[in-house]
Amino acid sequence: MPQMRPAAGTVDPDVDPNPPPPRRASWHGQGDILAVIAVGGALGASARYGTGLLWPTAPGAFPWATLVINTAGCAVIGVFMVLITEVWSAHRLLRPFFGTGVLGGFTTFSTYAVDIHRLVEGKHAATGLAYLALTLLAALLAVWTAATLTRRAISWRQS
């Protein structure tokens, strides 16, 4: 079948004939945000590491420490997000420092994934599947419950 070509001079009215030049990513003015995320992440990761040292998981055992860390971190983010979005106007660096940095460093998807892999590889697939499902449910329930209770506490205090 012959290829159809538009007639010379035909212009699609939906296409800008003079598109703007592509924008390059600019990090200008973002250094303070990156710095507070890095500092917060180091603090959160250190807290998680310390918790792991205090509560180690034996090979093939259910990884309770990681489950508790992730669930607690999700509960704290539920409280935090309600407070900074509905109660006070937070400094612009608080959310990246605490939400992304500290809580992002404290909670851990990578350890969760490695724990599941180790359980399955160690012939504990049922435990790995239970851990996978329980962590997901516990994390979602923790965020929702913490946010709901925080909203109730705020409305009770304001009435």
C-alpha atoms as a PDB file:
ATOM      1  CA  MET A   1       0.000   0.000   0.000  1.00  0.00           C
ATOM      2  CA  PRO A   2       1.460   3.403  -0.903  1.00  0.00           C
ATOM      3  CA  GLN A   3       2.367   5.710   1.953  1.00  0.00           C
ATOM      4  CA  MET A   4       0.227   8.844   2.203  1.00  0.00           C
ATOM      5  CA  ARG A   5       2.014  12.136   2.756  1.00  0.00           C
ATOM      6  CA  PRO A   6       0.406  15.412   3.681  1.00  0.00           C
ATOM      7  CA  ALA A   7       0.362  18.021   0.981  1.00  0.00           C
ATOM      8  CA  ALA A   8       3.242  20.490   1.066  1.00  0.00           C
ATOM      9  CA  GLY A   9       2.467  23.398   3.359  1.00  0.00           C
ATOM     10  CA  THR A  10      -0.196  21.486   5.316  1.00  0.00           C
ATOM     11  CA  VAL A  11       0.001  22.292   9.016  1.00  0.00           C
ATOM     12  CA  ASP A  12      -1.697  20.452  11.846  1.00  0.00           C
ATOM     13  CA  PRO A  13      -3.599  23.145  13.774  1.00  0.00           C
ATOM     14  CA  ASP A  14      -3.080  21.216  17.031  1.00  0.00           C
ATOM     15  CA  VAL A  15       0.714  21.359  16.826  1.00  0.00           C
ATOM     16  CA  ASP A  16       2.623  24.512  17.739  1.00  0.00           C
ATOM     17  CA  PRO A  17       4.920  25.296  14.791  1.00  0.00           C
ATOM     18  CA  ASN A  18       7.400  26.969  17.179  1.00  0.00           C
ATOM     19  CA  PRO A  19       7.626  24.742  20.274  1.00  0.00           C
ATOM     20  CA  PRO A  20       9.627  26.102  23.210  1.00  0.00           C
ATOM     21  CA  PRO A  21      13.112  24.679  23.680  1.00  0.00           C
ATOM     22  CA  PRO A  22      13.241  21.647  25.995  1.00  0.00           C
ATOM     23  CA  ARG A  23      13.773  22.541  29.643  1.00  0.00           C
ATOM     24  CA  ARG A  24      16.772  21.208  31.459  1.00  0.00           C
ATOM     25  CA  ALA A  25      16.440  20.045  35.035  1.00  0.00           C
ATOM     26  CA  SER A  26      17.447  22.835  37.368  1.00  0.00           C
ATOM     27  CA  TRP A  27      18.773  22.146  40.854  1.00  0.00           C
ATOM     28  CA  HIS A  28      19.095  25.856  41.516  1.00  0.00           C
ATOM     29  CA  GLY A  29      17.436  26.684  44.823  1.00  0.00           C
ATOM     30  CA  GLN A  30      16.950  23.035  45.819  1.00  0.00           C
ATOM     31  CA  GLY A  31      20.106  22.544  47.887  1.00  0.00           C
ATOM     32  CA  ASP A  32      18.444  23.240  51.227  1.00  0.00           C
ATOM     33  CA  ILE A  33      15.692  20.706  50.496  1.00  0.00           C
ATOM     34  CA  LEU A  34      18.184  18.036  49.446  1.00  0.00           C
ATOM     35  CA  ALA A  35      20.274  18.749  52.550  1.00  0.00           C
ATOM     36  CA  VAL A  36      17.365  18.368  54.995  1.00  0.00           C
ATOM     37  CA  ILE A  37      16.229  15.162  53.260  1.00  0.00           C
ATOM     38  CA  ALA A  38      19.757  13.760  53.533  1.00  0.00           C
ATOM     39  CA  VAL A  39      20.086  14.685  57.215  1.00  0.00           C
ATOM     40  CA  GLY A  40      16.605  13.345  57.999  1.00  0.00           C
ATOM     41  CA  GLY A  41      17.283  10.166  56.036  1.00  0.00           C
ATOM     42  CA  ALA A  42      20.498   9.569  57.954  1.00  0.00           C
ATOM     43  CA  LEU A  43      18.659  10.001  61.257  1.00  0.00           C
ATOM     44  CA  GLY A  44      15.781   7.716  60.233  1.00  0.00           C
ATOM     45  CA  ALA A  45      18.060   5.036  58.815  1.00  0.00           C
ATOM     46  CA  SER A  46      20.201   5.137  61.953  1.00  0.00           C
ATOM     47  CA  ALA A  47      17.107   4.671  64.119  1.00  0.00           C
ATOM     48  CA  ARG A  48      16.019   1.716  61.969  1.00  0.00           C
ATOM     49  CA  TYR A  49      19.489   0.176  62.091  1.00  0.00           C
ATOM     50  CA  GLY A  50      19.582   0.551  65.866  1.00  0.00           C
ATOM     51  CA  THR A  51      16.174  -1.062  66.183  1.00  0.00           C
ATOM     52  CA  GLY A  52      17.376  -3.954  64.037  1.00  0.00           C
ATOM     53  CA  LEU A  53      20.401  -4.419  66.299  1.00  0.00           C
ATOM     54  CA  LEU A  54      18.213  -4.422  69.403  1.00  0.00           C
ATOM     55  CA  TRP A  55      15.675  -6.802  67.846  1.00  0.00           C
ATOM     56  CA  PRO A  56      17.488  -9.114  65.397  1.00  0.00           C
ATOM     57  CA  THR A  57      15.646 -11.629  63.234  1.00  0.00           C
ATOM     58  CA  ALA A  58      16.948 -15.197  63.149  1.00  0.00           C
ATOM     59  CA  PRO A  59      17.147 -16.889  59.725  1.00  0.00           C
ATOM     60  CA  GLY A  60      13.759 -18.325  58.773  1.00  0.00           C
ATOM     61  CA  ALA A  61      11.987 -16.463  61.595  1.00  0.00           C
ATOM     62  CA  PHE A  62       9.196 -13.973  61.100  1.00  0.00           C
ATOM     63  CA  PRO A  63      10.765 -10.487  60.713  1.00  0.00           C
ATOM     64  CA  TRP A  64       8.844  -8.760  63.502  1.00  0.00           C
ATOM     65  CA  ALA A  65      11.280  -5.854  63.817  1.00  0.00           C
ATOM     66  CA  THR A  66      10.815  -4.753  60.201  1.00  0.00           C
ATOM     67  CA  LEU A  67       7.045  -5.196  60.449  1.00  0.00           C
ATOM     68  CA  VAL A  68       6.904  -3.039  63.586  1.00  0.00           C
ATOM     69  CA  ILE A  69       9.259  -0.418  62.102  1.00  0.00           C
ATOM     70  CA  ASN A  70       7.218  -0.075  58.914  1.00  0.00           C
ATOM     71  CA  THR A  71       3.892  -0.055  60.764  1.00  0.00           C
ATOM     72  CA  ALA A  72       5.078   2.518  63.308  1.00  0.00           C
ATOM     73  CA  GLY A  73       6.522   4.709  60.557  1.00  0.00           C
ATOM     74  CA  CYS A  74       3.221   4.588  58.683  1.00  0.00           C
ATOM     75  CA  ALA A  75       1.305   5.539  61.831  1.00  0.00           C
ATOM     76  CA  VAL A  76       3.611   8.486  62.424  1.00  0.00           C
ATOM     77  CA  ILE A  77       3.219   9.674  58.815  1.00  0.00           C
ATOM     78  CA  GLY A  78      -0.568   9.528  59.268  1.00  0.00           C
ATOM     79  CA  VAL A  79      -0.357  11.818  62.311  1.00  0.00           C
ATOM     80  CA  PHE A  80       2.266  14.058  60.722  1.00  0.00           C
ATOM     81  CA  MET A  81       0.387  14.634  57.465  1.00  0.00           C
ATOM     82  CA  VAL A  82      -2.821  15.582  59.282  1.00  0.00           C
ATOM     83  CA  LEU A  83      -0.935  18.004  61.512  1.00  0.00           C
ATOM     84  CA  ILE A  84       0.961  19.775  58.750  1.00  0.00           C
ATOM     85  CA  THR A  85      -1.920  19.902  56.284  1.00  0.00           C
ATOM     86  CA  GLU A  86      -4.895  20.529  58.549  1.00  0.00           C
ATOM     87  CA  VAL A  87      -3.628  22.050  61.781  1.00  0.00           C
ATOM     88  CA  TRP A  88      -0.567  24.208  61.282  1.00  0.00           C
ATOM     89  CA  SER A  89       1.272  25.841  58.500  1.00  0.00           C
ATOM     90  CA  ALA A  90       4.644  24.144  58.690  1.00  0.00           C
ATOM     91  CA  HIS A  91       7.989  25.533  57.588  1.00  0.00           C
ATOM     92  CA  ARG A  92       8.672  24.563  53.983  1.00  0.00           C
ATOM     93  CA  LEU A  93      11.577  22.302  55.010  1.00  0.00           C
ATOM     94  CA  LEU A  94       9.707  20.360  57.702  1.00  0.00           C
ATOM     95  CA  ARG A  95       7.867  18.017  55.334  1.00  0.00           C
ATOM     96  CA  PRO A  96      10.973  17.048  53.314  1.00  0.00           C
ATOM     97  CA  PHE A  97      13.049  16.699  56.480  1.00  0.00           C
ATOM     98  CA  PHE A  98      10.643  14.644  58.560  1.00  0.00           C
ATOM     99  CA  GLY A  99       8.261  13.045  56.047  1.00  0.00           C
ATOM    100  CA  THR A 100      10.681  12.198  53.251  1.00  0.00           C
ATOM    101  CA  GLY A 101      13.936  12.121  55.209  1.00  0.00           C
ATOM    102  CA  VAL A 102      13.369  10.781  58.716  1.00  0.00           C
ATOM    103  CA  LEU A 103      10.343   8.586  58.028  1.00  0.00           C
ATOM    104  CA  GLY A 104      11.599   7.594  54.579  1.00  0.00           C
ATOM    105  CA  GLY A 105      14.886   6.504  56.157  1.00  0.00           C
ATOM    106  CA  PHE A 106      13.183   4.811  59.089  1.00  0.00           C
ATOM    107  CA  THR A 107      10.671   2.755  57.129  1.00  0.00           C
ATOM    108  CA  THR A 108      12.132   0.274  54.704  1.00  0.00           C
ATOM    109  CA  PHE A 109      10.706  -1.290  51.596  1.00  0.00           C
ATOM    110  CA  SER A 110      14.072  -2.781  50.648  1.00  0.00           C
ATOM    111  CA  THR A 111      14.482  -4.741  53.899  1.00  0.00           C
ATOM    112  CA  TYR A 112      10.851  -5.855  53.586  1.00  0.00           C
ATOM    113  CA  ALA A 113      11.561  -7.200  50.096  1.00  0.00           C
ATOM    114  CA  VAL A 114      14.813  -8.879  51.196  1.00  0.00           C
ATOM    115  CA  ASP A 115      13.050 -10.456  54.193  1.00  0.00           C
ATOM    116  CA  ILE A 116      10.397 -11.944  51.891  1.00  0.00           C
ATOM    117  CA  HIS A 117      13.057 -13.208  49.484  1.00  0.00           C
ATOM    118  CA  ARG A 118      15.041 -14.840  52.297  1.00  0.00           C
ATOM    119  CA  LEU A 119      11.948 -16.525  53.701  1.00  0.00           C
ATOM    120  CA  VAL A 120      10.963 -17.922  50.309  1.00  0.00           C
ATOM    121  CA  GLU A 121      14.525 -19.008  49.477  1.00  0.00           C
ATOM    122  CA  GLY A 122      14.809 -20.632  52.913  1.00  0.00           C
ATOM    123  CA  LYS A 123      11.748 -22.808  52.219  1.00  0.00           C
ATOM    124  CA  HIS A 124       9.447 -20.652  54.364  1.00  0.00           C
ATOM    125  CA  ALA A 125       7.177 -19.466  51.550  1.00  0.00           C
ATOM    126  CA  ALA A 126       4.019 -19.485  53.689  1.00  0.00           C
ATOM    127  CA  THR A 127       5.716 -17.276  56.283  1.00  0.00           C
ATOM    128  CA  GLY A 128       6.970 -14.992  53.504  1.00  0.00           C
ATOM    129  CA  LEU A 129       3.485 -14.690  52.021  1.00  0.00           C
ATOM    130  CA  ALA A 130       1.969 -14.012  55.453  1.00  0.00           C
ATOM    131  CA  TYR A 131       4.611 -11.344  56.087  1.00  0.00           C
ATOM    132  CA  LEU A 132       3.964  -9.767  52.687  1.00  0.00           C
ATOM    133  CA  ALA A 133       0.218  -9.510  53.303  1.00  0.00           C
ATOM    134  CA  LEU A 134       0.436  -8.581  56.983  1.00  0.00           C
ATOM    135  CA  THR A 135       2.883  -5.739  56.340  1.00  0.00           C
ATOM    136  CA  LEU A 136       0.718  -4.289  53.597  1.00  0.00           C
ATOM    137  CA  LEU A 137      -2.443  -4.478  55.701  1.00  0.00           C
ATOM    138  CA  ALA A 138      -0.744  -3.231  58.877  1.00  0.00           C
ATOM    139  CA  ALA A 139       0.871  -0.276  57.092  1.00  0.00           C
ATOM    140  CA  LEU A 140      -2.361   0.845  55.423  1.00  0.00           C
ATOM    141  CA  LEU A 141      -4.355   0.357  58.600  1.00  0.00           C
ATOM    142  CA  ALA A 142      -1.740   2.268  60.621  1.00  0.00           C
ATOM    143  CA  VAL A 143      -1.838   5.312  58.324  1.00  0.00           C
ATOM    144  CA  TRP A 144      -5.629   5.369  58.203  1.00  0.00           C
ATOM    145  CA  THR A 145      -6.102   4.788  61.948  1.00  0.00           C
ATOM    146  CA  ALA A 146      -3.491   7.344  62.980  1.00  0.00           C
ATOM    147  CA  ALA A 147      -4.883   9.990  60.621  1.00  0.00           C
ATOM    148  CA  THR A 148      -8.461   9.318  61.743  1.00  0.00           C
ATOM    149  CA  LEU A 149      -7.584   9.422  65.453  1.00  0.00           C
ATOM    150  CA  THR A 150      -5.553  12.586  64.954  1.00  0.00           C
ATOM    151  CA  ARG A 151      -8.477  14.289  63.203  1.00  0.00           C
ATOM    152  CA  ARG A 152     -10.812  13.214  66.027  1.00  0.00           C
ATOM    153  CA  ALA A 153      -8.411  14.485  68.681  1.00  0.00           C
ATOM    154  CA  ILE A 154      -8.125  17.813  66.892  1.00  0.00           C
ATOM    155  CA  SER A 155     -11.887  18.216  66.489  1.00  0.00           C
ATOM    156  CA  TRP A 156     -12.493  17.185  70.135  1.00  0.00           C
ATOM    157  CA  ARG A 157      -9.906  19.695  71.336  1.00  0.00           C
ATOM    158  CA  GLN A 158     -11.361  22.488  69.200  1.00  0.00           C
ATOM    159  CA  SER A 159     -14.972  21.955  70.387  1.00  0.00           C
END
